[in-house]
Amino acid sequence: MRSILLPAPWIGIGRLIRGITQTLAAAHDPAMPARDWQALLGVPTFVAGIVLIDSPFESVAVLAVAVGVVEIVTALRIKGRADRVPRTV
């Protein structure tokens, strides 16, 4: 279990950066697919980074599941919109 302590802060820092960039990208690009989901996912991703850094043991499993579910939903929404883009050859 102590091995969680080593990668947890690095994963937390990555989540912090991803949350910030994801929210800013959604705020500044009106043409972004699934923009609402991207903005919605950015905030909890940022908070997840803080929680992961602060208490790695309690948060690793919960955050992995929660963020994974939200990212799957986001990917499906992006795919749905991408399927509607006309293809030219």
PDB file of N, CA and C in Angstrom:
ATOM      1  N   MET A   1       0.811  -1.203   0.000  1.00  0.00           N
ATOM      2  CA  MET A   1       0.000   0.000   0.000  1.00  0.00           C
ATOM      3  C   MET A   1       0.851   1.264   0.000  1.00  0.00           C
ATOM      4  N   ARG A   2       2.049   1.173   0.519  1.00  0.00           N
ATOM      5  CA  ARG A   2       2.883   2.371   0.556  1.00  0.00           C
ATOM      6  C   ARG A   2       3.319   2.816  -0.833  1.00  0.00           C
ATOM      7  N   SER A   3       3.230   1.910  -1.782  1.00  0.00           N
ATOM      8  CA  SER A   3       3.625   2.279  -3.140  1.00  0.00           C
ATOM      9  C   SER A   3       2.679   3.313  -3.745  1.00  0.00           C
ATOM     10  N   ILE A   4       1.501   3.464  -3.183  1.00  0.00           N
ATOM     11  CA  ILE A   4       0.551   4.483  -3.655  1.00  0.00           C
ATOM     12  C   ILE A   4       1.080   5.882  -3.367  1.00  0.00           C
ATOM     13  N   LEU A   5       1.831   6.018  -2.307  1.00  0.00           N
ATOM     14  CA  LEU A   5       2.312   7.347  -1.917  1.00  0.00           C
ATOM     15  C   LEU A   5       3.267   7.963  -2.936  1.00  0.00           C
ATOM     16  N   LEU A   6       4.002   7.164  -3.661  1.00  0.00           N
ATOM     17  CA  LEU A   6       4.950   7.717  -4.624  1.00  0.00           C
ATOM     18  C   LEU A   6       4.262   8.303  -5.859  1.00  0.00           C
ATOM     19  N   PRO A   7       3.413   7.555  -6.564  1.00  0.00           N
ATOM     20  CA  PRO A   7       2.806   8.142  -7.762  1.00  0.00           C
ATOM     21  C   PRO A   7       1.641   9.088  -7.488  1.00  0.00           C
ATOM     22  N   ALA A   8       1.024   9.008  -6.320  1.00  0.00           N
ATOM     23  CA  ALA A   8      -0.165   9.814  -6.043  1.00  0.00           C
ATOM     24  C   ALA A   8       0.057  11.313  -6.212  1.00  0.00           C
ATOM     25  N   PRO A   9       1.126  11.899  -5.670  1.00  0.00           N
ATOM     26  CA  PRO A   9       1.309  13.340  -5.892  1.00  0.00           C
ATOM     27  C   PRO A   9       1.509  13.698  -7.363  1.00  0.00           C
ATOM     28  N   TRP A  10       2.208  12.848  -8.106  1.00  0.00           N
ATOM     29  CA  TRP A  10       2.423  13.130  -9.526  1.00  0.00           C
ATOM     30  C   TRP A  10       1.123  13.023 -10.309  1.00  0.00           C
ATOM     31  N   ILE A  11       0.328  12.033  -9.990  1.00  0.00           N
ATOM     32  CA  ILE A  11      -0.978  11.903 -10.635  1.00  0.00           C
ATOM     33  C   ILE A  11      -1.855  13.091 -10.242  1.00  0.00           C
ATOM     34  N   GLY A  12      -1.783  13.497  -8.987  1.00  0.00           N
ATOM     35  CA  GLY A  12      -2.543  14.656  -8.524  1.00  0.00           C
ATOM     36  C   GLY A  12      -2.152  15.927  -9.256  1.00  0.00           C
ATOM     37  N   ILE A  13      -0.861  16.132  -9.457  1.00  0.00           N
ATOM     38  CA  ILE A  13      -0.394  17.315 -10.192  1.00  0.00           C
ATOM     39  C   ILE A  13      -0.884  17.248 -11.644  1.00  0.00           C
ATOM     40  N   GLY A  14      -0.840  16.068 -12.226  1.00  0.00           N
ATOM     41  CA  GLY A  14      -1.357  15.903 -13.587  1.00  0.00           C
ATOM     42  C   GLY A  14      -2.836  16.223 -13.678  1.00  0.00           C
ATOM     43  N   ARG A  15      -3.596  15.796 -12.693  1.00  0.00           N
ATOM     44  CA  ARG A  15      -5.034  16.094 -12.648  1.00  0.00           C
ATOM     45  C   ARG A  15      -5.276  17.589 -12.487  1.00  0.00           C
ATOM     46  N   LEU A  16      -4.476  18.242 -11.663  1.00  0.00           N
ATOM     47  CA  LEU A  16      -4.604  19.691 -11.499  1.00  0.00           C
ATOM     48  C   LEU A  16      -4.421  20.392 -12.847  1.00  0.00           C
ATOM     49  N   ILE A  17      -3.355  20.044 -13.535  1.00  0.00           N
ATOM     50  CA  ILE A  17      -3.054  20.678 -14.820  1.00  0.00           C
ATOM     51  C   ILE A  17      -4.133  20.345 -15.850  1.00  0.00           C
ATOM     52  N   ARG A  18      -4.555  19.095 -15.892  1.00  0.00           N
ATOM     53  CA  ARG A  18      -5.595  18.703 -16.849  1.00  0.00           C
ATOM     54  C   ARG A  18      -6.904  19.426 -16.565  1.00  0.00           C
ATOM     55  N   GLY A  19      -7.270  19.549 -15.309  1.00  0.00           N
ATOM     56  CA  GLY A  19      -8.507  20.244 -14.961  1.00  0.00           C
ATOM     57  C   GLY A  19      -8.488  21.700 -15.383  1.00  0.00           C
ATOM     58  N   ILE A  20      -7.361  22.357 -15.159  1.00  0.00           N
ATOM     59  CA  ILE A  20      -7.233  23.769 -15.542  1.00  0.00           C
ATOM     60  C   ILE A  20      -7.293  23.920 -17.061  1.00  0.00           C
ATOM     61  N   THR A  21      -6.500  23.122 -17.774  1.00  0.00           N
ATOM     62  CA  THR A  21      -6.458  23.267 -19.230  1.00  0.00           C
ATOM     63  C   THR A  21      -7.772  22.852 -19.883  1.00  0.00           C
ATOM     64  N   GLN A  22      -8.416  21.849 -19.343  1.00  0.00           N
ATOM     65  CA  GLN A  22      -9.675  21.385 -19.909  1.00  0.00           C
ATOM     66  C   GLN A  22     -10.760  22.449 -19.747  1.00  0.00           C
ATOM     67  N   THR A  23     -10.829  23.059 -18.589  1.00  0.00           N
ATOM     68  CA  THR A  23     -11.824  24.097 -18.349  1.00  0.00           C
ATOM     69  C   THR A  23     -11.548  25.330 -19.203  1.00  0.00           C
ATOM     70  N   LEU A  24     -10.291  25.738 -19.273  1.00  0.00           N
ATOM     71  CA  LEU A  24      -9.947  26.911 -20.080  1.00  0.00           C
ATOM     72  C   LEU A  24     -10.203  26.659 -21.568  1.00  0.00           C
ATOM     73  N   ALA A  25      -9.884  25.480 -22.042  1.00  0.00           N
ATOM     74  CA  ALA A  25     -10.120  25.158 -23.457  1.00  0.00           C
ATOM     75  C   ALA A  25     -11.612  25.195 -23.774  1.00  0.00           C
ATOM     76  N   ALA A  26     -12.431  24.643 -22.896  1.00  0.00           N
ATOM     77  CA  ALA A  26     -13.875  24.652 -23.114  1.00  0.00           C
ATOM     78  C   ALA A  26     -14.432  26.074 -23.051  1.00  0.00           C
ATOM     79  N   ALA A  27     -13.870  26.896 -22.195  1.00  0.00           N
ATOM     80  CA  ALA A  27     -14.354  28.272 -22.057  1.00  0.00           C
ATOM     81  C   ALA A  27     -13.987  29.128 -23.263  1.00  0.00           C
ATOM     82  N   HIS A  28     -12.876  28.838 -23.902  1.00  0.00           N
ATOM     83  CA  HIS A  28     -12.382  29.694 -24.974  1.00  0.00           C
ATOM     84  C   HIS A  28     -12.631  29.168 -26.387  1.00  0.00           C
ATOM     85  N   ASP A  29     -13.170  27.980 -26.530  1.00  0.00           N
ATOM     86  CA  ASP A  29     -13.400  27.431 -27.874  1.00  0.00           C
ATOM     87  C   ASP A  29     -14.865  27.043 -28.041  1.00  0.00           C
ATOM     88  N   PRO A  30     -15.671  27.928 -28.615  1.00  0.00           N
ATOM     89  CA  PRO A  30     -17.094  27.625 -28.774  1.00  0.00           C
ATOM     90  C   PRO A  30     -17.371  26.459 -29.724  1.00  0.00           C
ATOM     91  N   ALA A  31     -16.422  26.096 -30.572  1.00  0.00           N
ATOM     92  CA  ALA A  31     -16.631  24.993 -31.521  1.00  0.00           C
ATOM     93  C   ALA A  31     -16.208  23.643 -30.960  1.00  0.00           C
ATOM     94  N   MET A  32     -15.734  23.587 -29.732  1.00  0.00           N
ATOM     95  CA  MET A  32     -15.265  22.326 -29.147  1.00  0.00           C
ATOM     96  C   MET A  32     -16.424  21.332 -29.004  1.00  0.00           C
ATOM     97  N   PRO A  33     -16.231  20.101 -29.492  1.00  0.00           N
ATOM     98  CA  PRO A  33     -17.268  19.080 -29.306  1.00  0.00           C
ATOM     99  C   PRO A  33     -17.463  18.769 -27.826  1.00  0.00           C
ATOM    100  N   ALA A  34     -18.689  18.577 -27.438  1.00  0.00           N
ATOM    101  CA  ALA A  34     -19.051  18.269 -26.040  1.00  0.00           C
ATOM    102  C   ALA A  34     -18.473  19.306 -25.082  1.00  0.00           C
ATOM    103  N   ARG A  35     -18.564  20.559 -25.480  1.00  0.00           N
ATOM    104  CA  ARG A  35     -17.972  21.656 -24.704  1.00  0.00           C
ATOM    105  C   ARG A  35     -18.499  21.698 -23.271  1.00  0.00           C
ATOM    106  N   ASP A  36     -19.793  21.500 -23.091  1.00  0.00           N
ATOM    107  CA  ASP A  36     -20.368  21.532 -21.749  1.00  0.00           C
ATOM    108  C   ASP A  36     -19.796  20.431 -20.859  1.00  0.00           C
ATOM    109  N   TRP A  37     -19.629  19.236 -21.432  1.00  0.00           N
ATOM    110  CA  TRP A  37     -19.047  18.132 -20.661  1.00  0.00           C
ATOM    111  C   TRP A  37     -17.581  18.388 -20.345  1.00  0.00           C
ATOM    112  N   GLN A  38     -16.874  18.987 -21.287  1.00  0.00           N
ATOM    113  CA  GLN A  38     -15.461  19.282 -21.062  1.00  0.00           C
ATOM    114  C   GLN A  38     -15.306  20.272 -19.898  1.00  0.00           C
ATOM    115  N   ALA A  39     -16.127  21.310 -19.904  1.00  0.00           N
ATOM    116  CA  ALA A  39     -16.065  22.296 -18.822  1.00  0.00           C
ATOM    117  C   ALA A  39     -16.494  21.658 -17.506  1.00  0.00           C
ATOM    118  N   LEU A  40     -17.543  20.842 -17.576  1.00  0.00           N
ATOM    119  CA  LEU A  40     -18.041  20.185 -16.375  1.00  0.00           C
ATOM    120  C   LEU A  40     -17.011  19.207 -15.809  1.00  0.00           C
ATOM    121  N   LEU A  41     -16.290  18.531 -16.666  1.00  0.00           N
ATOM    122  CA  LEU A  41     -15.272  17.571 -16.223  1.00  0.00           C
ATOM    123  C   LEU A  41     -14.026  18.271 -15.696  1.00  0.00           C
ATOM    124  N   GLY A  42     -13.719  19.452 -16.205  1.00  0.00           N
ATOM    125  CA  GLY A  42     -12.508  20.158 -15.790  1.00  0.00           C
ATOM    126  C   GLY A  42     -12.484  20.517 -14.322  1.00  0.00           C
ATOM    127  N   VAL A  43     -13.606  20.965 -13.795  1.00  0.00           N
ATOM    128  CA  VAL A  43     -13.649  21.392 -12.387  1.00  0.00           C
ATOM    129  C   VAL A  43     -13.446  20.221 -11.429  1.00  0.00           C
ATOM    130  N   PRO A  44     -14.207  19.120 -11.556  1.00  0.00           N
ATOM    131  CA  PRO A  44     -13.940  18.004 -10.632  1.00  0.00           C
ATOM    132  C   PRO A  44     -12.566  17.357 -10.836  1.00  0.00           C
ATOM    133  N   THR A  45     -12.035  17.446 -12.056  1.00  0.00           N
ATOM    134  CA  THR A  45     -10.696  16.918 -12.285  1.00  0.00           C
ATOM    135  C   THR A  45      -9.675  17.721 -11.494  1.00  0.00           C
ATOM    136  N   PHE A  46      -9.831  19.042 -11.489  1.00  0.00           N
ATOM    137  CA  PHE A  46      -8.966  19.912 -10.699  1.00  0.00           C
ATOM    138  C   PHE A  46      -9.090  19.582  -9.208  1.00  0.00           C
ATOM    139  N   VAL A  47     -10.317  19.462  -8.730  1.00  0.00           N
ATOM    140  CA  VAL A  47     -10.546  19.138  -7.315  1.00  0.00           C
ATOM    141  C   VAL A  47      -9.989  17.757  -6.992  1.00  0.00           C
ATOM    142  N   ALA A  48     -10.133  16.822  -7.925  1.00  0.00           N
ATOM    143  CA  ALA A  48      -9.592  15.479  -7.712  1.00  0.00           C
ATOM    144  C   ALA A  48      -8.083  15.523  -7.533  1.00  0.00           C
ATOM    145  N   GLY A  49      -7.420  16.387  -8.274  1.00  0.00           N
ATOM    146  CA  GLY A  49      -5.973  16.534  -8.116  1.00  0.00           C
ATOM    147  C   GLY A  49      -5.598  16.996  -6.721  1.00  0.00           C
ATOM    148  N   ILE A  50      -6.343  17.955  -6.207  1.00  0.00           N
ATOM    149  CA  ILE A  50      -6.081  18.446  -4.850  1.00  0.00           C
ATOM    150  C   ILE A  50      -6.308  17.339  -3.828  1.00  0.00           C
ATOM    151  N   VAL A  51      -7.424  16.626  -3.964  1.00  0.00           N
ATOM    152  CA  VAL A  51      -7.740  15.542  -3.023  1.00  0.00           C
ATOM    153  C   VAL A  51      -6.701  14.440  -3.106  1.00  0.00           C
ATOM    154  N   LEU A  52      -6.280  14.122  -4.304  1.00  0.00           N
ATOM    155  CA  LEU A  52      -5.288  13.055  -4.491  1.00  0.00           C
ATOM    156  C   LEU A  52      -3.957  13.406  -3.843  1.00  0.00           C
ATOM    157  N   ILE A  53      -3.573  14.657  -3.929  1.00  0.00           N
ATOM    158  CA  ILE A  53      -2.326  15.087  -3.295  1.00  0.00           C
ATOM    159  C   ILE A  53      -2.475  15.088  -1.776  1.00  0.00           C
ATOM    160  N   ASP A  54      -3.641  15.522  -1.300  1.00  0.00           N
ATOM    161  CA  ASP A  54      -3.860  15.667   0.141  1.00  0.00           C
ATOM    162  C   ASP A  54      -4.031  14.329   0.858  1.00  0.00           C
ATOM    163  N   SER A  55      -4.799  13.413   0.292  1.00  0.00           N
ATOM    164  CA  SER A  55      -5.024  12.127   0.965  1.00  0.00           C
ATOM    165  C   SER A  55      -5.027  10.991  -0.062  1.00  0.00           C
ATOM    166  N   PRO A  56      -3.837  10.528  -0.422  1.00  0.00           N
ATOM    167  CA  PRO A  56      -3.731   9.540  -1.501  1.00  0.00           C
ATOM    168  C   PRO A  56      -4.379   8.192  -1.200  1.00  0.00           C
ATOM    169  N   PHE A  57      -4.299   7.712   0.015  1.00  0.00           N
ATOM    170  CA  PHE A  57      -4.846   6.385   0.317  1.00  0.00           C
ATOM    171  C   PHE A  57      -6.351   6.332   0.126  1.00  0.00           C
ATOM    172  N   GLU A  58      -7.038   7.323   0.654  1.00  0.00           N
ATOM    173  CA  GLU A  58      -8.499   7.309   0.619  1.00  0.00           C
ATOM    174  C   GLU A  58      -9.060   7.636  -0.754  1.00  0.00           C
ATOM    175  N   SER A  59      -8.292   8.349  -1.560  1.00  0.00           N
ATOM    176  CA  SER A  59      -8.864   8.894  -2.776  1.00  0.00           C
ATOM    177  C   SER A  59      -8.527   8.145  -4.062  1.00  0.00           C
ATOM    178  N   VAL A  60      -7.536   7.327  -4.075  1.00  0.00           N
ATOM    179  CA  VAL A  60      -7.082   6.717  -5.328  1.00  0.00           C
ATOM    180  C   VAL A  60      -8.189   5.913  -6.006  1.00  0.00           C
ATOM    181  N   ALA A  61      -8.801   4.997  -5.328  1.00  0.00           N
ATOM    182  CA  ALA A  61      -9.817   4.150  -5.953  1.00  0.00           C
ATOM    183  C   ALA A  61     -11.065   4.940  -6.318  1.00  0.00           C
ATOM    184  N   VAL A  62     -11.524   5.782  -5.424  1.00  0.00           N
ATOM    185  CA  VAL A  62     -12.737   6.555  -5.684  1.00  0.00           C
ATOM    186  C   VAL A  62     -12.546   7.502  -6.862  1.00  0.00           C
ATOM    187  N   LEU A  63     -11.433   8.195  -6.889  1.00  0.00           N
ATOM    188  CA  LEU A  63     -11.185   9.141  -7.969  1.00  0.00           C
ATOM    189  C   LEU A  63     -10.988   8.437  -9.307  1.00  0.00           C
ATOM    190  N   ALA A  64     -10.350   7.303  -9.294  1.00  0.00           N
ATOM    191  CA  ALA A  64     -10.143   6.567 -10.543  1.00  0.00           C
ATOM    192  C   ALA A  64     -11.479   6.165 -11.160  1.00  0.00           C
ATOM    193  N   VAL A  65     -12.369   5.667 -10.352  1.00  0.00           N
ATOM    194  CA  VAL A  65     -13.676   5.251 -10.855  1.00  0.00           C
ATOM    195  C   VAL A  65     -14.496   6.456 -11.313  1.00  0.00           C
ATOM    196  N   ALA A  66     -14.556   7.482 -10.494  1.00  0.00           N
ATOM    197  CA  ALA A  66     -15.374   8.655 -10.824  1.00  0.00           C
ATOM    198  C   ALA A  66     -14.889   9.347 -12.088  1.00  0.00           C
ATOM    199  N   VAL A  67     -13.610   9.602 -12.179  1.00  0.00           N
ATOM    200  CA  VAL A  67     -13.065  10.288 -13.353  1.00  0.00           C
ATOM    201  C   VAL A  67     -13.184   9.380 -14.578  1.00  0.00           C
ATOM    202  N   GLY A  68     -12.972   8.098 -14.412  1.00  0.00           N
ATOM    203  CA  GLY A  68     -13.106   7.171 -15.537  1.00  0.00           C
ATOM    204  C   GLY A  68     -14.503   7.156 -16.120  1.00  0.00           C
ATOM    205  N   VAL A  69     -15.510   7.130 -15.263  1.00  0.00           N
ATOM    206  CA  VAL A  69     -16.897   7.124 -15.734  1.00  0.00           C
ATOM    207  C   VAL A  69     -17.210   8.412 -16.488  1.00  0.00           C
ATOM    208  N   VAL A  70     -16.822   9.539 -15.934  1.00  0.00           N
ATOM    209  CA  VAL A  70     -17.098  10.818 -16.587  1.00  0.00           C
ATOM    210  C   VAL A  70     -16.343  10.929 -17.914  1.00  0.00           C
ATOM    211  N   GLU A  71     -15.128  10.443 -17.974  1.00  0.00           N
ATOM    212  CA  GLU A  71     -14.372  10.506 -19.226  1.00  0.00           C
ATOM    213  C   GLU A  71     -14.956   9.576 -20.298  1.00  0.00           C
ATOM    214  N   ILE A  72     -15.494   8.452 -19.900  1.00  0.00           N
ATOM    215  CA  ILE A  72     -16.153   7.562 -20.859  1.00  0.00           C
ATOM    216  C   ILE A  72     -17.378   8.249 -21.442  1.00  0.00           C
ATOM    217  N   VAL A  73     -18.167   8.885 -20.597  1.00  0.00           N
ATOM    218  CA  VAL A  73     -19.344   9.613 -21.074  1.00  0.00           C
ATOM    219  C   VAL A  73     -18.921  10.738 -22.022  1.00  0.00           C
ATOM    220  N   THR A  74     -17.878  11.465 -21.654  1.00  0.00           N
ATOM    221  CA  THR A  74     -17.385  12.546 -22.509  1.00  0.00           C
ATOM    222  C   THR A  74     -16.916  12.003 -23.862  1.00  0.00           C
ATOM    223  N   ALA A  75     -16.193  10.910 -23.861  1.00  0.00           N
ATOM    224  CA  ALA A  75     -15.706  10.319 -25.113  1.00  0.00           C
ATOM    225  C   ALA A  75     -16.866   9.879 -25.997  1.00  0.00           C
ATOM    226  N   LEU A  76     -17.893   9.314 -25.416  1.00  0.00           N
ATOM    227  CA  LEU A  76     -19.051   8.893 -26.199  1.00  0.00           C
ATOM    228  C   LEU A  76     -19.774  10.088 -26.805  1.00  0.00           C
ATOM    229  N   ARG A  77     -19.859  11.167 -26.065  1.00  0.00           N
ATOM    230  CA  ARG A  77     -20.499  12.379 -26.604  1.00  0.00           C
ATOM    231  C   ARG A  77     -19.664  12.979 -27.726  1.00  0.00           C
ATOM    232  N   ILE A  78     -18.363  12.995 -27.570  1.00  0.00           N
ATOM    233  CA  ILE A  78     -17.496  13.513 -28.631  1.00  0.00           C
ATOM    234  C   ILE A  78     -17.616  12.630 -29.873  1.00  0.00           C
ATOM    235  N   LYS A  79     -17.640  11.319 -29.676  1.00  0.00           N
ATOM    236  CA  LYS A  79     -17.781  10.400 -30.811  1.00  0.00           C
ATOM    237  C   LYS A  79     -19.110  10.628 -31.514  1.00  0.00           C
ATOM    238  N   GLY A  80     -20.158  10.839 -30.763  1.00  0.00           N
ATOM    239  CA  GLY A  80     -21.467  11.092 -31.364  1.00  0.00           C
ATOM    240  C   GLY A  80     -21.468  12.335 -32.230  1.00  0.00           C
ATOM    241  N   ARG A  81     -20.814  13.363 -31.767  1.00  0.00           N
ATOM    242  CA  ARG A  81     -20.735  14.586 -32.572  1.00  0.00           C
ATOM    243  C   ARG A  81     -19.784  14.409 -33.753  1.00  0.00           C
ATOM    244  N   ALA A  82     -18.717  13.666 -33.573  1.00  0.00           N
ATOM    245  CA  ALA A  82     -17.762  13.444 -34.658  1.00  0.00           C
ATOM    246  C   ALA A  82     -18.404  12.637 -35.785  1.00  0.00           C
ATOM    247  N   ASP A  83     -19.325  11.742 -35.443  1.00  0.00           N
ATOM    248  CA  ASP A  83     -20.003  10.950 -36.470  1.00  0.00           C
ATOM    249  C   ASP A  83     -20.876  11.817 -37.373  1.00  0.00           C
ATOM    250  N   ARG A  84     -21.285  12.979 -36.886  1.00  0.00           N
ATOM    251  CA  ARG A  84     -22.133  13.879 -37.685  1.00  0.00           C
ATOM    252  C   ARG A  84     -21.321  14.828 -38.572  1.00  0.00           C
ATOM    253  N   VAL A  85     -20.016  14.825 -38.449  1.00  0.00           N
ATOM    254  CA  VAL A  85     -19.180  15.693 -39.282  1.00  0.00           C
ATOM    255  C   VAL A  85     -19.096  15.082 -40.673  1.00  0.00           C
ATOM    256  N   PRO A  86     -19.395  15.868 -41.705  1.00  0.00           N
ATOM    257  CA  PRO A  86     -19.325  15.304 -43.062  1.00  0.00           C
ATOM    258  C   PRO A  86     -17.898  14.940 -43.442  1.00  0.00           C
ATOM    259  N   ARG A  87     -17.756  13.820 -44.118  1.00  0.00           N
ATOM    260  CA  ARG A  87     -16.444  13.346 -44.534  1.00  0.00           C
ATOM    261  C   ARG A  87     -16.250  13.650 -46.010  1.00  0.00           C
ATOM    262  N   THR A  88     -15.099  14.185 -46.330  1.00  0.00           N
ATOM    263  CA  THR A  88     -14.782  14.438 -47.729  1.00  0.00           C
ATOM    264  C   THR A  88     -13.557  13.622 -48.107  1.00  0.00           C
ATOM    265  N   VAL A  89     -13.541  13.163 -49.318  1.00  0.00           N
ATOM    266  CA  VAL A  89     -12.420  12.339 -49.781  1.00  0.00           C
ATOM    267  C   VAL A  89     -11.620  13.097 -50.799  1.00  0.00           C
TER     268      VAL A  89
END
